[in-house]
Protein backbone atom coordinates (compact mmCIF):
# COMPACT_ATOMS: atom_id res chain seq x y z
CA MET A 1 0.00 0.00 0.00
CA LEU A 2 1.31 3.41 -0.93
CA PHE A 3 1.01 6.38 1.39
CA MET A 4 1.50 9.96 0.26
CA TYR A 5 2.56 12.40 2.96
CA THR A 6 0.84 15.75 2.99
CA GLY A 7 3.95 17.66 4.08
CA GLY A 8 4.29 20.75 6.17
CA ARG A 9 4.94 24.47 5.91
CA LEU A 10 7.81 26.63 7.09
CA PHE A 11 7.51 30.41 7.32
CA VAL A 12 10.71 32.41 6.94
CA ASN A 13 11.02 36.12 7.69
CA CYS A 14 13.79 38.03 5.92
CA LYS A 15 14.22 41.51 4.46
CA SER A 16 17.11 43.47 3.02
CA SER A 17 17.31 47.23 3.27
CA ASN A 18 20.42 47.32 1.04
CA PHE A 19 19.60 45.05 -1.91
CA GLU A 20 16.59 44.82 -4.25
CA THR A 21 16.56 41.03 -3.95
CA ILE A 22 18.01 38.58 -1.46
CA VAL A 23 18.20 34.79 -1.52
CA VAL A 24 17.45 32.92 1.70
CA MET A 25 18.99 29.46 2.11
CA ILE A 26 17.18 26.78 4.12
CA GLU A 27 19.51 23.88 4.90
CA CYS A 28 18.61 20.63 6.68
CA PRO A 29 20.24 17.18 6.45
CA THR A 30 17.73 16.07 3.79
CA ILE A 31 16.65 19.48 2.42
CA LEU A 32 18.39 22.32 0.65
CA ALA A 33 16.16 25.14 -0.56
CA PHE A 34 16.60 28.67 -1.79
CA VAL A 35 13.84 31.28 -1.50
CA ASN A 36 13.97 34.66 -3.26
CA TYR A 37 12.90 37.81 -1.41
CA SER A 38 12.52 41.38 -2.61
CA THR A 39 12.59 44.63 -0.63
CA SER A 40 8.79 44.54 -0.38
CA GLU A 41 8.65 40.98 0.98
CA GLN A 42 9.33 40.10 4.59
CA ARG A 43 7.76 36.66 4.98
CA ASN A 44 7.64 33.69 2.64
CA GLU A 45 6.10 30.27 2.97
CA PHE A 46 8.10 27.18 2.09
CA HIS A 47 6.26 23.89 1.51
CA LEU A 48 8.06 20.88 2.89
CA PHE A 49 7.48 17.46 1.33
CA VAL A 50 9.27 14.38 2.62
CA ASN A 51 9.12 10.66 1.93
CA HIS A 52 8.83 9.57 5.56
CA GLN A 53 6.17 10.23 8.17
CA LYS A 54 8.22 10.96 11.29
CA PHE A 55 10.41 13.97 10.82
CA VAL A 56 13.20 15.37 13.03
CA GLU A 57 15.69 17.70 11.34
CA ASN A 58 18.19 20.20 12.73
CA CYS A 59 18.16 23.04 10.22
CA ASN A 60 19.71 26.41 9.45
CA VAL A 61 18.22 29.37 7.65
CA LYS A 62 20.55 32.04 6.30
CA CYS A 63 19.26 35.56 5.60
CA GLY A 64 22.18 37.67 4.38
CA GLN A 65 24.93 37.15 6.98
CA ASP A 66 22.46 36.15 9.72
CA VAL A 67 22.19 32.40 10.40
CA GLN A 68 19.42 31.03 12.61
CA HIS A 69 19.12 27.44 13.83
CA PHE A 70 15.81 25.61 14.26
CA VAL A 71 14.45 22.08 14.62
CA VAL A 72 11.59 20.66 12.57
CA ASN A 73 10.02 17.89 14.64
CA GLY A 74 6.73 16.13 14.13
CA THR A 75 4.63 13.55 12.40
CA ILE A 76 3.45 14.41 8.92
CA GLY A 77 -0.14 13.48 8.05
CA ASN A 78 -0.70 10.95 5.29
CA ILE A 79 -3.25 10.10 2.65
CA GLN A 80 -3.79 6.45 1.84
CA HIS A 81 -3.30 5.83 -1.87
CA THR A 82 -6.43 4.61 -3.65
CA GLY A 83 -4.57 2.37 -6.08
CA GLN A 84 -4.87 4.79 -8.98
CA GLN A 85 -1.78 5.33 -11.06
CA ILE A 86 0.33 8.35 -10.14
CA ARG A 87 0.50 10.70 -13.11
CA GLN A 88 3.68 12.44 -14.10
CA LEU A 89 3.45 16.11 -14.99
CA PRO A 90 5.28 17.17 -18.16
CA GLY A 91 8.83 18.27 -17.43
CA THR A 92 9.02 16.51 -14.04
CA ASN A 93 10.67 13.34 -12.78
CA ILE A 94 9.28 10.63 -10.53
CA PHE A 95 11.90 9.01 -8.31
């Protein structure tokens, strides 16, 4: 039986007063993500999708030269697969 995990959300606050755009790096043992911010944005939402239900990760988020540490800890909800074939979107890969 196949289970699909619904994932979670991370909210990251970052703003630059010196640059028009800034790239925020989110780094965990199994995740590496980059989120773009502009001078008008202060908060972005990052959707987290994993292939396991129980999740404990020690992570860093880097906004400019500022590095913050945080822990993502929890159990991700799941949806039982109905047996229908998973469809691949054009231009994507299924691993």
